[in-house]
Amino acid sequence: MAPRTQQLVITARLVTETDSLVREDTLQSALTAEWAVAPGDAPMRWVGRITDFRVRVGALDSAAVPADLVLPLRFEAEGVGAGAQPRLPESEDATCADANAAIVNGWRELWLAPPSPLSPGTTWQDSATYTLCRDGIPLRVHSVRTYVAESATLRDGAAHAAVVRRSRVMLEGTGVQFGDTVRVIGGGSSTVRLLLPLAGTAMTGEGEGVLTLELRGRRRAQRLTQESVLEIRAP
């Protein structure tokens, strides 16, 4: 199968409440990935690479590749059965040793496995449990995504299925920051409207979501709320 290329752009508003202090920030990340199904027998495998990743902090800054990131980031993912998202080996590292695992995990937003045939009213679901690191704290993530095919439409002369993806995620972890043992719990949801070409080419989409994390330690408490707008492009 020919490689597929897509871009994921996330624009987020971050509100951080630390004790009695409140800070608001904006952040935008843009990830470009290309991947294909690997040849061979079961289990199904995907091979790909992150060819570009840029971050912009604040409205006035320019988007830039993080200084410590070397591109491309190559990855492999393995199918683990019907109704499950592929397993990314990098995401299983509970020691937070792989600083790039969170970037590779962005590929999950670009992957889906619709049933065939796909017609209005078709529903399906996928889920995953994996480890994601944030500020050096390993978080156990459980994600469930539900899809509904709502209609068929034409775009640029090609048939597309309009699909709504609703996601729910729960996170929990424990770590040490500045000598203090802290516990992080959180959860969130998102709704993304996808246009899925029936010919099998790259999908596009847009949506929004919210994620809340609470950090609790002996010396401080912190709450982070992230409101995001998500775009999936086919460059």
C-alpha atoms as a PDB file:
ATOM      1  CA  MET A   1       0.000   0.000   0.000  1.00  0.00           C
ATOM      2  CA  ALA A   2       1.280   3.480  -0.889  1.00  0.00           C
ATOM      3  CA  PRO A   3       2.270   5.665   2.084  1.00  0.00           C
ATOM      4  CA  ARG A   4      -0.399   8.006   3.423  1.00  0.00           C
ATOM      5  CA  THR A   5       0.500  11.531   4.546  1.00  0.00           C
ATOM      6  CA  GLN A   6      -1.548  13.645   6.953  1.00  0.00           C
ATOM      7  CA  GLN A   7      -1.114  16.630   9.220  1.00  0.00           C
ATOM      8  CA  LEU A   8      -2.523  17.120  12.710  1.00  0.00           C
ATOM      9  CA  VAL A   9      -2.821  20.700  13.996  1.00  0.00           C
ATOM     10  CA  ILE A  10      -3.888  21.330  17.597  1.00  0.00           C
ATOM     11  CA  THR A  11      -4.494  24.831  18.916  1.00  0.00           C
ATOM     12  CA  ALA A  12      -4.967  24.933  22.680  1.00  0.00           C
ATOM     13  CA  ARG A  13      -5.869  27.402  25.401  1.00  0.00           C
ATOM     14  CA  LEU A  14      -4.270  26.396  28.702  1.00  0.00           C
ATOM     15  CA  VAL A  15      -5.447  27.642  32.087  1.00  0.00           C
ATOM     16  CA  THR A  16      -3.196  26.688  35.003  1.00  0.00           C
ATOM     17  CA  GLU A  17      -4.360  27.215  38.592  1.00  0.00           C
ATOM     18  CA  THR A  18      -1.546  26.776  41.128  1.00  0.00           C
ATOM     19  CA  ASP A  19      -2.754  27.384  44.669  1.00  0.00           C
ATOM     20  CA  SER A  20      -4.184  30.922  44.361  1.00  0.00           C
ATOM     21  CA  LEU A  21      -2.395  31.854  41.107  1.00  0.00           C
ATOM     22  CA  VAL A  22      -4.014  31.583  37.660  1.00  0.00           C
ATOM     23  CA  ARG A  23      -2.078  31.681  34.392  1.00  0.00           C
ATOM     24  CA  GLU A  24      -3.376  31.464  30.828  1.00  0.00           C
ATOM     25  CA  ASP A  25      -1.306  30.393  27.819  1.00  0.00           C
ATOM     26  CA  THR A  26      -1.844  29.457  24.195  1.00  0.00           C
ATOM     27  CA  LEU A  27      -0.073  26.651  22.383  1.00  0.00           C
ATOM     28  CA  GLN A  28      -0.192  25.284  18.854  1.00  0.00           C
ATOM     29  CA  SER A  29       1.442  22.110  17.572  1.00  0.00           C
ATOM     30  CA  ALA A  30       1.586  20.848  13.992  1.00  0.00           C
ATOM     31  CA  LEU A  31       2.566  17.235  13.279  1.00  0.00           C
ATOM     32  CA  THR A  32       3.056  15.694   9.833  1.00  0.00           C
ATOM     33  CA  ALA A  33       3.149  11.903   9.555  1.00  0.00           C
ATOM     34  CA  GLU A  34       3.428   9.423   6.726  1.00  0.00           C
ATOM     35  CA  TRP A  35       2.796   5.708   7.119  1.00  0.00           C
ATOM     36  CA  ALA A  36       1.733   2.541   5.359  1.00  0.00           C
ATOM     37  CA  VAL A  37       0.650  -0.995   6.164  1.00  0.00           C
ATOM     38  CA  ALA A  38       3.719  -3.216   6.441  1.00  0.00           C
ATOM     39  CA  PRO A  39       3.815  -6.286   4.187  1.00  0.00           C
ATOM     40  CA  GLY A  40       3.447  -9.696   5.775  1.00  0.00           C
ATOM     41  CA  ASP A  41       0.980 -11.873   7.585  1.00  0.00           C
ATOM     42  CA  ALA A  42      -0.947 -11.231  10.799  1.00  0.00           C
ATOM     43  CA  PRO A  43      -0.685  -9.463  13.123  1.00  0.00           C
ATOM     44  CA  MET A  44      -1.210  -6.354  11.025  1.00  0.00           C
ATOM     45  CA  ARG A  45       1.595  -3.794  11.323  1.00  0.00           C
ATOM     46  CA  TRP A  46       2.063  -0.188  10.297  1.00  0.00           C
ATOM     47  CA  VAL A  47       5.409   1.509   9.646  1.00  0.00           C
ATOM     48  CA  GLY A  48       5.808   5.240   9.419  1.00  0.00           C
ATOM     49  CA  ARG A  49       7.641   8.352  10.416  1.00  0.00           C
ATOM     50  CA  ILE A  50       6.936  11.785  11.816  1.00  0.00           C
ATOM     51  CA  THR A  51       8.431  14.011   9.144  1.00  0.00           C
ATOM     52  CA  ASP A  52       7.731  17.364  10.791  1.00  0.00           C
ATOM     53  CA  PHE A  53       6.704  18.643  14.220  1.00  0.00           C
ATOM     54  CA  ARG A  54       6.506  22.317  15.143  1.00  0.00           C
ATOM     55  CA  VAL A  55       5.320  24.130  18.238  1.00  0.00           C
ATOM     56  CA  ARG A  56       4.265  27.742  18.730  1.00  0.00           C
ATOM     57  CA  VAL A  57       3.886  29.133  22.251  1.00  0.00           C
ATOM     58  CA  GLY A  58       1.908  32.365  22.440  1.00  0.00           C
ATOM     59  CA  ALA A  59       0.244  34.272  19.635  1.00  0.00           C
ATOM     60  CA  LEU A  60       3.350  36.262  18.668  1.00  0.00           C
ATOM     61  CA  ASP A  61       5.919  33.455  18.492  1.00  0.00           C
ATOM     62  CA  SER A  62       6.862  31.609  15.310  1.00  0.00           C
ATOM     63  CA  ALA A  63       6.332  27.877  15.014  1.00  0.00           C
ATOM     64  CA  ALA A  64       9.605  26.000  15.436  1.00  0.00           C
ATOM     65  CA  VAL A  65      10.926  22.456  15.728  1.00  0.00           C
ATOM     66  CA  PRO A  66      11.897  21.781  19.393  1.00  0.00           C
ATOM     67  CA  ALA A  67      15.646  22.193  19.826  1.00  0.00           C
ATOM     68  CA  ASP A  68      16.245  18.622  21.058  1.00  0.00           C
ATOM     69  CA  LEU A  69      14.114  16.907  18.395  1.00  0.00           C
ATOM     70  CA  VAL A  70      15.793  15.062  15.525  1.00  0.00           C
ATOM     71  CA  LEU A  71      13.528  14.360  12.546  1.00  0.00           C
ATOM     72  CA  PRO A  72      12.269  12.129  11.109  1.00  0.00           C
ATOM     73  CA  LEU A  73      10.960  10.053  14.020  1.00  0.00           C
ATOM     74  CA  ARG A  74      10.415   6.506  12.809  1.00  0.00           C
ATOM     75  CA  PHE A  75       7.811   4.266  14.416  1.00  0.00           C
ATOM     76  CA  GLU A  76       6.132   0.892  14.111  1.00  0.00           C
ATOM     77  CA  ALA A  77       2.700  -0.058  15.386  1.00  0.00           C
ATOM     78  CA  GLU A  78       1.109  -3.471  15.754  1.00  0.00           C
ATOM     79  CA  GLY A  79      -2.527  -4.458  15.570  1.00  0.00           C
ATOM     80  CA  VAL A  80      -3.833  -6.094  18.737  1.00  0.00           C
ATOM     81  CA  GLY A  81      -7.280  -7.196  17.601  1.00  0.00           C
ATOM     82  CA  ALA A  82     -10.644  -5.849  16.514  1.00  0.00           C
ATOM     83  CA  GLY A  83     -11.859  -2.821  18.410  1.00  0.00           C
ATOM     84  CA  ALA A  84      -8.390  -1.826  19.619  1.00  0.00           C
ATOM     85  CA  GLN A  85      -6.052   0.941  18.558  1.00  0.00           C
ATOM     86  CA  PRO A  86      -2.613  -0.210  17.373  1.00  0.00           C
ATOM     87  CA  ARG A  87       0.087  -0.652  20.000  1.00  0.00           C
ATOM     88  CA  LEU A  88       3.025   1.741  19.803  1.00  0.00           C
ATOM     89  CA  PRO A  89       6.038   0.212  21.637  1.00  0.00           C
ATOM     90  CA  GLU A  90       7.421   3.657  22.464  1.00  0.00           C
ATOM     91  CA  SER A  91       4.310   4.506  24.477  1.00  0.00           C
ATOM     92  CA  GLU A  92       4.801   1.613  26.885  1.00  0.00           C
ATOM     93  CA  ASP A  93       7.882   3.135  28.575  1.00  0.00           C
ATOM     94  CA  ALA A  94       6.760   3.938  32.141  1.00  0.00           C
ATOM     95  CA  THR A  95      10.160   5.468  32.993  1.00  0.00           C
ATOM     96  CA  CYS A  96       9.634   8.508  30.714  1.00  0.00           C
ATOM     97  CA  ALA A  97      13.037   7.772  29.157  1.00  0.00           C
ATOM     98  CA  ASP A  98      11.761   8.364  25.607  1.00  0.00           C
ATOM     99  CA  ALA A  99      11.089  12.098  25.331  1.00  0.00           C
ATOM    100  CA  ASN A 100       9.630  11.682  21.835  1.00  0.00           C
ATOM    101  CA  ALA A 101       6.963   9.086  22.688  1.00  0.00           C
ATOM    102  CA  ALA A 102       4.301  11.766  23.231  1.00  0.00           C
ATOM    103  CA  ILE A 103       4.946  13.134  19.729  1.00  0.00           C
ATOM    104  CA  VAL A 104       4.633   9.714  18.101  1.00  0.00           C
ATOM    105  CA  ASN A 105       1.393   9.158  20.011  1.00  0.00           C
ATOM    106  CA  GLY A 106      -0.121  11.991  17.985  1.00  0.00           C
ATOM    107  CA  TRP A 107      -0.423   9.458  15.164  1.00  0.00           C
ATOM    108  CA  ARG A 108      -3.347   7.904  17.036  1.00  0.00           C
ATOM    109  CA  GLU A 109      -5.474  10.905  16.041  1.00  0.00           C
ATOM    110  CA  LEU A 110      -4.813  10.113  12.369  1.00  0.00           C
ATOM    111  CA  TRP A 111      -5.522   6.373  12.517  1.00  0.00           C
ATOM    112  CA  LEU A 112      -8.885   4.639  12.228  1.00  0.00           C
ATOM    113  CA  ALA A 113     -10.177   1.302  10.938  1.00  0.00           C
ATOM    114  CA  PRO A 114     -13.744   1.655   9.631  1.00  0.00           C
ATOM    115  CA  PRO A 115     -15.813  -1.450   8.941  1.00  0.00           C
ATOM    116  CA  SER A 116     -16.716  -2.415   5.406  1.00  0.00           C
ATOM    117  CA  PRO A 117     -19.140  -1.689   3.909  1.00  0.00           C
ATOM    118  CA  LEU A 118     -19.530   1.782   5.426  1.00  0.00           C
ATOM    119  CA  SER A 119     -23.001   3.307   5.147  1.00  0.00           C
ATOM    120  CA  PRO A 120     -25.067   5.925   7.039  1.00  0.00           C
ATOM    121  CA  GLY A 121     -25.933   4.615  10.493  1.00  0.00           C
ATOM    122  CA  THR A 122     -22.858   2.394  10.816  1.00  0.00           C
ATOM    123  CA  THR A 123     -21.234   2.581  14.268  1.00  0.00           C
ATOM    124  CA  TRP A 124     -18.004   1.171  15.650  1.00  0.00           C
ATOM    125  CA  GLN A 125     -15.552   1.714  18.502  1.00  0.00           C
ATOM    126  CA  ASP A 126     -11.869   1.438  19.326  1.00  0.00           C
ATOM    127  CA  SER A 127      -9.980   1.733  22.601  1.00  0.00           C
ATOM    128  CA  ALA A 128      -6.457   1.719  23.993  1.00  0.00           C
ATOM    129  CA  THR A 129      -4.571   1.751  27.285  1.00  0.00           C
ATOM    130  CA  TYR A 130      -1.014   3.083  27.254  1.00  0.00           C
ATOM    131  CA  THR A 131       1.519   5.205  29.135  1.00  0.00           C
ATOM    132  CA  LEU A 132       2.069   8.868  28.325  1.00  0.00           C
ATOM    133  CA  CYS A 133       4.531  11.124  30.143  1.00  0.00           C
ATOM    134  CA  ARG A 134       3.834  14.689  31.221  1.00  0.00           C
ATOM    135  CA  ASP A 135       6.435  16.790  33.034  1.00  0.00           C
ATOM    136  CA  GLY A 136       8.365  13.611  33.872  1.00  0.00           C
ATOM    137  CA  ILE A 137       5.352  11.839  35.399  1.00  0.00           C
ATOM    138  CA  PRO A 138       4.160   8.616  33.714  1.00  0.00           C
ATOM    139  CA  LEU A 139       0.395   8.710  33.226  1.00  0.00           C
ATOM    140  CA  ARG A 140      -1.674   5.619  32.507  1.00  0.00           C
ATOM    141  CA  VAL A 141      -4.134   6.594  29.778  1.00  0.00           C
ATOM    142  CA  HIS A 142      -7.363   4.819  28.879  1.00  0.00           C
ATOM    143  CA  SER A 143      -9.030   6.033  25.694  1.00  0.00           C
ATOM    144  CA  VAL A 144     -12.353   5.001  24.157  1.00  0.00           C
ATOM    145  CA  ARG A 145     -13.496   6.368  20.789  1.00  0.00           C
ATOM    146  CA  THR A 146     -16.956   5.849  19.296  1.00  0.00           C
ATOM    147  CA  TYR A 147     -17.715   6.497  15.620  1.00  0.00           C
ATOM    148  CA  VAL A 148     -21.006   7.130  13.826  1.00  0.00           C
ATOM    149  CA  ALA A 149     -21.245   7.343  10.019  1.00  0.00           C
ATOM    150  CA  GLU A 150     -23.884  10.004   9.470  1.00  0.00           C
ATOM    151  CA  SER A 151     -24.087  10.575   5.723  1.00  0.00           C
ATOM    152  CA  ALA A 152     -22.421  10.268   2.344  1.00  0.00           C
ATOM    153  CA  THR A 153     -21.242  13.313   0.427  1.00  0.00           C
ATOM    154  CA  LEU A 154     -19.229  14.366  -2.625  1.00  0.00           C
ATOM    155  CA  ARG A 155     -16.082  16.457  -2.349  1.00  0.00           C
ATOM    156  CA  ASP A 156     -13.958  17.289  -5.396  1.00  0.00           C
ATOM    157  CA  GLY A 157     -15.930  14.683  -7.309  1.00  0.00           C
ATOM    158  CA  ALA A 158     -15.054  11.858  -4.888  1.00  0.00           C
ATOM    159  CA  ALA A 159     -17.408  10.040  -2.508  1.00  0.00           C
ATOM    160  CA  HIS A 160     -16.829  10.613   1.213  1.00  0.00           C
ATOM    161  CA  ALA A 161     -18.451   9.353   4.400  1.00  0.00           C
ATOM    162  CA  ALA A 162     -19.200  11.985   7.038  1.00  0.00           C
ATOM    163  CA  VAL A 163     -18.251  10.397  10.361  1.00  0.00           C
ATOM    164  CA  VAL A 164     -18.490  11.795  13.895  1.00  0.00           C
ATOM    165  CA  ARG A 165     -15.887  10.547  16.374  1.00  0.00           C
ATOM    166  CA  ARG A 166     -16.563  11.046  20.087  1.00  0.00           C
ATOM    167  CA  SER A 167     -13.698  10.312  22.457  1.00  0.00           C
ATOM    168  CA  ARG A 168     -13.357   9.942  26.196  1.00  0.00           C
ATOM    169  CA  VAL A 169     -10.052   9.655  28.016  1.00  0.00           C
ATOM    170  CA  MET A 170      -9.028   9.036  31.623  1.00  0.00           C
ATOM    171  CA  LEU A 171      -5.512   9.563  33.021  1.00  0.00           C
ATOM    172  CA  GLU A 172      -3.836   8.722  36.327  1.00  0.00           C
ATOM    173  CA  GLY A 173      -0.258   8.594  37.553  1.00  0.00           C
ATOM    174  CA  THR A 174       2.195   9.186  40.379  1.00  0.00           C
ATOM    175  CA  GLY A 175       5.644  10.771  40.291  1.00  0.00           C
ATOM    176  CA  VAL A 176       8.117  13.039  42.032  1.00  0.00           C
ATOM    177  CA  GLN A 177       8.525  16.754  41.370  1.00  0.00           C
ATOM    178  CA  PHE A 178      10.979  18.937  43.297  1.00  0.00           C
ATOM    179  CA  GLY A 179      11.262  16.241  45.970  1.00  0.00           C
ATOM    180  CA  ASP A 180       7.510  16.022  46.486  1.00  0.00           C
ATOM    181  CA  THR A 181       5.489  12.907  45.626  1.00  0.00           C
ATOM    182  CA  VAL A 182       2.538  13.997  43.534  1.00  0.00           C
ATOM    183  CA  ARG A 183      -0.532  12.240  42.145  1.00  0.00           C
ATOM    184  CA  VAL A 184      -2.115  13.263  38.850  1.00  0.00           C
ATOM    185  CA  ILE A 185      -5.662  12.418  37.852  1.00  0.00           C
ATOM    186  CA  GLY A 186      -7.649  13.713  34.936  1.00  0.00           C
ATOM    187  CA  GLY A 187     -10.033  13.140  32.112  1.00  0.00           C
ATOM    188  CA  GLY A 188     -11.467  14.693  29.017  1.00  0.00           C
ATOM    189  CA  SER A 189     -13.635  14.367  25.954  1.00  0.00           C
ATOM    190  CA  SER A 190     -13.656  15.504  22.344  1.00  0.00           C
ATOM    191  CA  THR A 191     -15.870  15.483  19.288  1.00  0.00           C
ATOM    192  CA  VAL A 192     -14.335  15.419  15.812  1.00  0.00           C
ATOM    193  CA  ARG A 193     -16.181  15.534  12.495  1.00  0.00           C
ATOM    194  CA  LEU A 194     -14.335  13.476   9.874  1.00  0.00           C
ATOM    195  CA  LEU A 195     -14.616  13.235   6.103  1.00  0.00           C
ATOM    196  CA  LEU A 196     -13.455   9.764   5.121  1.00  0.00           C
ATOM    197  CA  PRO A 197     -12.824   9.147   1.394  1.00  0.00           C
ATOM    198  CA  LEU A 198     -14.399   5.866   0.349  1.00  0.00           C
ATOM    199  CA  ALA A 199     -11.532   5.335  -2.089  1.00  0.00           C
ATOM    200  CA  GLY A 200      -9.160   4.966   0.859  1.00  0.00           C
ATOM    201  CA  THR A 201      -7.141   8.182   0.558  1.00  0.00           C
ATOM    202  CA  ALA A 202      -6.275  10.430   3.507  1.00  0.00           C
ATOM    203  CA  MET A 203      -9.152  11.710   5.643  1.00  0.00           C
ATOM    204  CA  THR A 204      -9.702  15.260   6.854  1.00  0.00           C
ATOM    205  CA  GLY A 205     -11.534  16.561   9.907  1.00  0.00           C
ATOM    206  CA  GLU A 206     -12.009  19.174  12.572  1.00  0.00           C
ATOM    207  CA  GLY A 207     -13.299  19.244  16.127  1.00  0.00           C
ATOM    208  CA  GLU A 208     -12.828  20.384  19.677  1.00  0.00           C
ATOM    209  CA  GLY A 209     -12.098  18.909  23.065  1.00  0.00           C
ATOM    210  CA  VAL A 210     -11.345  19.632  26.692  1.00  0.00           C
ATOM    211  CA  LEU A 211      -8.917  17.949  29.099  1.00  0.00           C
ATOM    212  CA  THR A 212      -8.566  18.579  32.834  1.00  0.00           C
ATOM    213  CA  LEU A 213      -5.639  17.435  34.983  1.00  0.00           C
ATOM    214  CA  GLU A 214      -5.292  17.807  38.763  1.00  0.00           C
ATOM    215  CA  LEU A 215      -1.911  17.498  40.461  1.00  0.00           C
ATOM    216  CA  ARG A 216      -1.939  16.889  44.210  1.00  0.00           C
ATOM    217  CA  GLY A 217       1.114  16.891  46.457  1.00  0.00           C
ATOM    218  CA  ARG A 218       2.010  17.636  50.067  1.00  0.00           C
ATOM    219  CA  ARG A 219       3.215  21.149  49.292  1.00  0.00           C
ATOM    220  CA  ARG A 220       1.023  22.318  46.431  1.00  0.00           C
ATOM    221  CA  ALA A 221      -2.037  21.661  44.323  1.00  0.00           C
ATOM    222  CA  GLN A 222      -2.412  22.450  40.643  1.00  0.00           C
ATOM    223  CA  ARG A 223      -5.241  22.224  38.132  1.00  0.00           C
ATOM    224  CA  LEU A 224      -4.742  22.428  34.359  1.00  0.00           C
ATOM    225  CA  THR A 225      -7.593  22.888  31.905  1.00  0.00           C
ATOM    226  CA  GLN A 226      -6.822  22.531  28.198  1.00  0.00           C
ATOM    227  CA  GLU A 227      -9.400  23.554  25.603  1.00  0.00           C
ATOM    228  CA  SER A 228      -8.348  22.452  22.138  1.00  0.00           C
ATOM    229  CA  VAL A 229      -9.330  22.872  18.516  1.00  0.00           C
ATOM    230  CA  LEU A 230      -8.155  20.006  16.324  1.00  0.00           C
ATOM    231  CA  GLU A 231      -7.673  19.885  12.548  1.00  0.00           C
ATOM    232  CA  ILE A 232      -6.740  16.881  10.431  1.00  0.00           C
ATOM    233  CA  ARG A 233      -5.426  17.878   7.021  1.00  0.00           C
ATOM    234  CA  ALA A 234      -4.371  16.015   3.900  1.00  0.00           C
ATOM    235  CA  PRO A 235      -1.455  18.110   2.579  1.00  0.00           C
END
